[in-house]
Amino acid sequence: MYICICAAVTDSTIRKSLADGDKNFKALCKELHVAQECGKCGSCARALFQEIRAEQLKRDTTSPLA
């Protein structure tokens, strides 16, 4: 699903970017140019960012130690 039409960024693109490293929301927006043009995607992008981070935190805290 497209999150940012202006920059042609999908939810998959955001997920891949966050999987590649620890970023805050501002860094993610700068890297992918999300919420940089019209800004209408900002709230949706932030909600997705928070959802992904919560999933990562849950996975990291429930994974057994290797």
PDB file of N, CA and C in Angstrom:
ATOM      1  N   MET A   1       0.841  -1.169   0.000  1.00  0.00           N
ATOM      2  CA  MET A   1       0.000   0.000   0.000  1.00  0.00           C
ATOM      3  C   MET A   1       0.895   1.243   0.000  1.00  0.00           C
ATOM      4  N   TYR A   2       0.503   2.225  -0.801  1.00  0.00           N
ATOM      5  CA  TYR A   2       1.257   3.470  -0.813  1.00  0.00           C
ATOM      6  C   TYR A   2       0.982   4.269   0.453  1.00  0.00           C
ATOM      7  N   ILE A   3       2.045   4.706   1.077  1.00  0.00           N
ATOM      8  CA  ILE A   3       1.952   5.560   2.253  1.00  0.00           C
ATOM      9  C   ILE A   3       2.147   7.013   1.835  1.00  0.00           C
ATOM     10  N   CYS A   4       3.125   7.249   0.961  1.00  0.00           N
ATOM     11  CA  CYS A   4       3.426   8.596   0.470  1.00  0.00           C
ATOM     12  C   CYS A   4       3.374   8.578  -1.057  1.00  0.00           C
ATOM     13  N   ILE A   5       2.354   9.213  -1.596  1.00  0.00           N
ATOM     14  CA  ILE A   5       2.201   9.274  -3.049  1.00  0.00           C
ATOM     15  C   ILE A   5       3.275  10.176  -3.652  1.00  0.00           C
ATOM     16  N   CYS A   6       3.573  11.287  -3.008  1.00  0.00           N
ATOM     17  CA  CYS A   6       4.550  12.245  -3.551  1.00  0.00           C
ATOM     18  C   CYS A   6       5.914  11.597  -3.792  1.00  0.00           C
ATOM     19  N   ALA A   7       6.343  10.740  -2.865  1.00  0.00           N
ATOM     20  CA  ALA A   7       7.659  10.100  -2.966  1.00  0.00           C
ATOM     21  C   ALA A   7       7.558   8.641  -3.409  1.00  0.00           C
ATOM     22  N   ALA A   8       6.347   8.183  -3.710  1.00  0.00           N
ATOM     23  CA  ALA A   8       6.105   6.797  -4.147  1.00  0.00           C
ATOM     24  C   ALA A   8       6.669   5.779  -3.150  1.00  0.00           C
ATOM     25  N   VAL A   9       6.363   5.994  -1.870  1.00  0.00           N
ATOM     26  CA  VAL A   9       6.854   5.116  -0.803  1.00  0.00           C
ATOM     27  C   VAL A   9       5.712   4.231  -0.316  1.00  0.00           C
ATOM     28  N   THR A  10       5.983   2.940  -0.274  1.00  0.00           N
ATOM     29  CA  THR A  10       4.985   1.978   0.193  1.00  0.00           C
ATOM     30  C   THR A  10       5.284   1.537   1.622  1.00  0.00           C
ATOM     31  N   ASP A  11       4.342   0.830   2.203  1.00  0.00           N
ATOM     32  CA  ASP A  11       4.565   0.287   3.540  1.00  0.00           C
ATOM     33  C   ASP A  11       5.718  -0.709   3.525  1.00  0.00           C
ATOM     34  N   SER A  12       5.867  -1.444   2.435  1.00  0.00           N
ATOM     35  CA  SER A  12       6.985  -2.396   2.317  1.00  0.00           C
ATOM     36  C   SER A  12       8.326  -1.680   2.319  1.00  0.00           C
ATOM     37  N   THR A  13       8.390  -0.535   1.654  1.00  0.00           N
ATOM     38  CA  THR A  13       9.622   0.255   1.619  1.00  0.00           C
ATOM     39  C   THR A  13      10.000   0.710   3.022  1.00  0.00           C
ATOM     40  N   ILE A  14       9.017   1.147   3.770  1.00  0.00           N
ATOM     41  CA  ILE A  14       9.267   1.596   5.141  1.00  0.00           C
ATOM     42  C   ILE A  14       9.710   0.424   6.005  1.00  0.00           C
ATOM     43  N   ARG A  15       9.047  -0.708   5.873  1.00  0.00           N
ATOM     44  CA  ARG A  15       9.437  -1.902   6.644  1.00  0.00           C
ATOM     45  C   ARG A  15      10.878  -2.311   6.335  1.00  0.00           C
ATOM     46  N   LYS A  16      11.245  -2.314   5.060  1.00  0.00           N
ATOM     47  CA  LYS A  16      12.611  -2.682   4.674  1.00  0.00           C
ATOM     48  C   LYS A  16      13.622  -1.697   5.240  1.00  0.00           C
ATOM     49  N   SER A  17      13.306  -0.421   5.176  1.00  0.00           N
ATOM     50  CA  SER A  17      14.220   0.593   5.694  1.00  0.00           C
ATOM     51  C   SER A  17      14.438   0.425   7.196  1.00  0.00           C
ATOM     52  N   LEU A  18      13.375   0.157   7.927  1.00  0.00           N
ATOM     53  CA  LEU A  18      13.506  -0.018   9.375  1.00  0.00           C
ATOM     54  C   LEU A  18      14.196  -1.323   9.733  1.00  0.00           C
ATOM     55  N   ALA A  19      14.077  -2.323   8.892  1.00  0.00           N
ATOM     56  CA  ALA A  19      14.764  -3.598   9.135  1.00  0.00           C
ATOM     57  C   ALA A  19      16.265  -3.462   8.914  1.00  0.00           C
ATOM     58  N   ASP A  20      16.660  -2.492   8.082  1.00  0.00           N
ATOM     59  CA  ASP A  20      18.073  -2.290   7.761  1.00  0.00           C
ATOM     60  C   ASP A  20      18.846  -1.538   8.836  1.00  0.00           C
ATOM     61  N   GLY A  21      18.163  -0.951   9.786  1.00  0.00           N
ATOM     62  CA  GLY A  21      18.891  -0.231  10.822  1.00  0.00           C
ATOM     63  C   GLY A  21      17.963   0.484  11.773  1.00  0.00           C
ATOM     64  N   ASP A  22      18.535   0.942  12.868  1.00  0.00           N
ATOM     65  CA  ASP A  22      17.781   1.633  13.898  1.00  0.00           C
ATOM     66  C   ASP A  22      17.649   3.100  13.507  1.00  0.00           C
ATOM     67  N   LYS A  23      16.448   3.515  13.181  1.00  0.00           N
ATOM     68  CA  LYS A  23      16.197   4.892  12.770  1.00  0.00           C
ATOM     69  C   LYS A  23      15.067   5.467  13.607  1.00  0.00           C
ATOM     70  N   ASN A  24      15.117   6.765  13.806  1.00  0.00           N
ATOM     71  CA  ASN A  24      13.961   7.421  14.396  1.00  0.00           C
ATOM     72  C   ASN A  24      13.061   7.897  13.253  1.00  0.00           C
ATOM     73  N   PHE A  25      11.897   8.414  13.584  1.00  0.00           N
ATOM     74  CA  PHE A  25      10.935   8.798  12.549  1.00  0.00           C
ATOM     75  C   PHE A  25      11.484   9.901  11.654  1.00  0.00           C
ATOM     76  N   LYS A  26      12.150  10.856  12.242  1.00  0.00           N
ATOM     77  CA  LYS A  26      12.704  11.968  11.459  1.00  0.00           C
ATOM     78  C   LYS A  26      13.735  11.466  10.443  1.00  0.00           C
ATOM     79  N   ALA A  27      14.599  10.557  10.857  1.00  0.00           N
ATOM     80  CA  ALA A  27      15.614   9.997   9.955  1.00  0.00           C
ATOM     81  C   ALA A  27      14.964   9.185   8.840  1.00  0.00           C
ATOM     82  N   LEU A  28      13.927   8.437   9.181  1.00  0.00           N
ATOM     83  CA  LEU A  28      13.201   7.663   8.175  1.00  0.00           C
ATOM     84  C   LEU A  28      12.602   8.592   7.120  1.00  0.00           C
ATOM     85  N   CYS A  29      11.965   9.657   7.566  1.00  0.00           N
ATOM     86  CA  CYS A  29      11.360  10.615   6.637  1.00  0.00           C
ATOM     87  C   CYS A  29      12.406  11.255   5.738  1.00  0.00           C
ATOM     88  N   LYS A  30      13.535  11.596   6.307  1.00  0.00           N
ATOM     89  CA  LYS A  30      14.600  12.216   5.517  1.00  0.00           C
ATOM     90  C   LYS A  30      15.150  11.236   4.485  1.00  0.00           C
ATOM     91  N   GLU A  31      15.381   9.996   4.896  1.00  0.00           N
ATOM     92  CA  GLU A  31      15.938   8.986   3.997  1.00  0.00           C
ATOM     93  C   GLU A  31      15.008   8.678   2.826  1.00  0.00           C
ATOM     94  N   LEU A  32      13.713   8.521   3.127  1.00  0.00           N
ATOM     95  CA  LEU A  32      12.755   8.102   2.101  1.00  0.00           C
ATOM     96  C   LEU A  32      11.968   9.261   1.490  1.00  0.00           C
ATOM     97  N   HIS A  33      12.195  10.469   1.995  1.00  0.00           N
ATOM     98  CA  HIS A  33      11.491  11.674   1.526  1.00  0.00           C
ATOM     99  C   HIS A  33       9.989  11.613   1.815  1.00  0.00           C
ATOM    100  N   VAL A  34       9.649  10.942   2.897  1.00  0.00           N
ATOM    101  CA  VAL A  34       8.254  10.841   3.330  1.00  0.00           C
ATOM    102  C   VAL A  34       7.886  12.107   4.089  1.00  0.00           C
ATOM    103  N   ALA A  35       6.673  12.597   3.861  1.00  0.00           N
ATOM    104  CA  ALA A  35       6.149  13.794   4.536  1.00  0.00           C
ATOM    105  C   ALA A  35       7.015  15.021   4.273  1.00  0.00           C
ATOM    106  N   GLN A  36       7.639  15.070   3.124  1.00  0.00           N
ATOM    107  CA  GLN A  36       8.506  16.190   2.780  1.00  0.00           C
ATOM    108  C   GLN A  36       7.851  17.152   1.785  1.00  0.00           C
ATOM    109  N   GLU A  37       6.857  16.680   1.051  1.00  0.00           N
ATOM    110  CA  GLU A  37       6.199  17.517   0.046  1.00  0.00           C
ATOM    111  C   GLU A  37       4.911  18.103   0.621  1.00  0.00           C
ATOM    112  N   CYS A  38       3.795  17.441   0.393  1.00  0.00           N
ATOM    113  CA  CYS A  38       2.507  17.985   0.838  1.00  0.00           C
ATOM    114  C   CYS A  38       2.247  17.734   2.324  1.00  0.00           C
ATOM    115  N   GLY A  39       2.854  16.676   2.877  1.00  0.00           N
ATOM    116  CA  GLY A  39       2.724  16.380   4.298  1.00  0.00           C
ATOM    117  C   GLY A  39       1.497  15.586   4.702  1.00  0.00           C
ATOM    118  N   LYS A  40       0.621  15.284   3.757  1.00  0.00           N
ATOM    119  CA  LYS A  40      -0.612  14.565   4.090  1.00  0.00           C
ATOM    120  C   LYS A  40      -0.364  13.151   4.593  1.00  0.00           C
ATOM    121  N   CYS A  41       0.773  12.575   4.263  1.00  0.00           N
ATOM    122  CA  CYS A  41       1.077  11.196   4.659  1.00  0.00           C
ATOM    123  C   CYS A  41       1.700  11.111   6.052  1.00  0.00           C
ATOM    124  N   GLY A  42       2.026  12.233   6.637  1.00  0.00           N
ATOM    125  CA  GLY A  42       2.756  12.245   7.902  1.00  0.00           C
ATOM    126  C   GLY A  42       2.133  11.416   9.008  1.00  0.00           C
ATOM    127  N   SER A  43       0.841  11.565   9.230  1.00  0.00           N
ATOM    128  CA  SER A  43       0.204  10.831  10.329  1.00  0.00           C
ATOM    129  C   SER A  43       0.146   9.335  10.045  1.00  0.00           C
ATOM    130  N   CYS A  44      -0.117   8.968   8.800  1.00  0.00           N
ATOM    131  CA  CYS A  44      -0.158   7.550   8.430  1.00  0.00           C
ATOM    132  C   CYS A  44       1.242   6.940   8.524  1.00  0.00           C
ATOM    133  N   ALA A  45       2.240   7.674   8.060  1.00  0.00           N
ATOM    134  CA  ALA A  45       3.620   7.190   8.116  1.00  0.00           C
ATOM    135  C   ALA A  45       4.069   7.017   9.563  1.00  0.00           C
ATOM    136  N   ARG A  46       3.717   7.968  10.417  1.00  0.00           N
ATOM    137  CA  ARG A  46       4.088   7.870  11.833  1.00  0.00           C
ATOM    138  C   ARG A  46       3.397   6.677  12.493  1.00  0.00           C
ATOM    139  N   ALA A  47       2.132   6.461  12.184  1.00  0.00           N
ATOM    140  CA  ALA A  47       1.400   5.320  12.753  1.00  0.00           C
ATOM    141  C   ALA A  47       2.040   4.004  12.320  1.00  0.00           C
ATOM    142  N   LEU A  48       2.424   3.905  11.051  1.00  0.00           N
ATOM    143  CA  LEU A  48       3.085   2.694  10.564  1.00  0.00           C
ATOM    144  C   LEU A  48       4.440   2.522  11.240  1.00  0.00           C
ATOM    145  N   PHE A  49       5.196   3.605  11.379  1.00  0.00           N
ATOM    146  CA  PHE A  49       6.489   3.573  12.060  1.00  0.00           C
ATOM    147  C   PHE A  49       6.320   3.022  13.479  1.00  0.00           C
ATOM    148  N   GLN A  50       5.345   3.535  14.206  1.00  0.00           N
ATOM    149  CA  GLN A  50       5.114   3.093  15.582  1.00  0.00           C
ATOM    150  C   GLN A  50       4.675   1.630  15.629  1.00  0.00           C
ATOM    151  N   GLU A  51       3.859   1.224  14.677  1.00  0.00           N
ATOM    152  CA  GLU A  51       3.412  -0.171  14.608  1.00  0.00           C
ATOM    153  C   GLU A  51       4.596  -1.113  14.374  1.00  0.00           C
ATOM    154  N   ILE A  52       5.459  -0.745  13.448  1.00  0.00           N
ATOM    155  CA  ILE A  52       6.627  -1.577  13.134  1.00  0.00           C
ATOM    156  C   ILE A  52       7.566  -1.643  14.326  1.00  0.00           C
ATOM    157  N   ARG A  53       7.820  -0.515  14.964  1.00  0.00           N
ATOM    158  CA  ARG A  53       8.700  -0.492  16.137  1.00  0.00           C
ATOM    159  C   ARG A  53       8.123  -1.351  17.260  1.00  0.00           C
ATOM    160  N   ALA A  54       6.813  -1.306  17.458  1.00  0.00           N
ATOM    161  CA  ALA A  54       6.179  -2.130  18.493  1.00  0.00           C
ATOM    162  C   ALA A  54       6.340  -3.614  18.167  1.00  0.00           C
ATOM    163  N   GLU A  55       6.182  -3.976  16.886  1.00  0.00           N
ATOM    164  CA  GLU A  55       6.382  -5.367  16.466  1.00  0.00           C
ATOM    165  C   GLU A  55       7.821  -5.805  16.721  1.00  0.00           C
ATOM    166  N   GLN A  56       8.769  -4.920  16.387  1.00  0.00           N
ATOM    167  CA  GLN A  56      10.186  -5.243  16.584  1.00  0.00           C
ATOM    168  C   GLN A  56      10.501  -5.403  18.065  1.00  0.00           C
ATOM    169  N   LEU A  57       9.979  -4.527  18.883  1.00  0.00           N
ATOM    170  CA  LEU A  57      10.218  -4.593  20.325  1.00  0.00           C
ATOM    171  C   LEU A  57       9.628  -5.872  20.903  1.00  0.00           C
ATOM    172  N   LYS A  58       8.419  -6.211  20.493  1.00  0.00           N
ATOM    173  CA  LYS A  58       7.779  -7.432  20.973  1.00  0.00           C
ATOM    174  C   LYS A  58       8.592  -8.653  20.560  1.00  0.00           C
ATOM    175  N   ARG A  59       9.033  -8.676  19.314  1.00  0.00           N
ATOM    176  CA  ARG A  59       9.823  -9.801  18.813  1.00  0.00           C
ATOM    177  C   ARG A  59      11.152  -9.894  19.565  1.00  0.00           C
ATOM    178  N   ASP A  60      11.787  -8.755  19.789  1.00  0.00           N
ATOM    179  CA  ASP A  60      13.084  -8.745  20.466  1.00  0.00           C
ATOM    180  C   ASP A  60      12.985  -9.164  21.928  1.00  0.00           C
ATOM    181  N   THR A  61      11.878  -8.846  22.573  1.00  0.00           N
ATOM    182  CA  THR A  61      11.743  -9.178  23.993  1.00  0.00           C
ATOM    183  C   THR A  61      11.196 -10.579  24.218  1.00  0.00           C
ATOM    184  N   THR A  62      10.590 -11.179  23.199  1.00  0.00           N
ATOM    185  CA  THR A  62      10.050 -12.530  23.355  1.00  0.00           C
ATOM    186  C   THR A  62      10.928 -13.595  22.720  1.00  0.00           C
ATOM    187  N   SER A  63      11.953 -13.190  21.988  1.00  0.00           N
ATOM    188  CA  SER A  63      12.850 -14.158  21.347  1.00  0.00           C
ATOM    189  C   SER A  63      13.774 -14.772  22.386  1.00  0.00           C
ATOM    190  N   PRO A  64      13.946 -16.082  22.340  1.00  0.00           N
ATOM    191  CA  PRO A  64      14.900 -16.707  23.270  1.00  0.00           C
ATOM    192  C   PRO A  64      16.330 -16.309  22.906  1.00  0.00           C
ATOM    193  N   LEU A  65      17.160 -16.260  23.893  1.00  0.00           N
ATOM    194  CA  LEU A  65      18.562 -15.920  23.644  1.00  0.00           C
ATOM    195  C   LEU A  65      19.235 -17.045  22.883  1.00  0.00           C
ATOM    196  N   ALA A  66      20.068 -16.665  21.932  1.00  0.00           N
ATOM    197  CA  ALA A  66      20.759 -17.679  21.114  1.00  0.00           C
ATOM    198  C   ALA A  66      22.021 -18.141  21.795  1.00  0.00           C
TER     199      ALA A  66
END
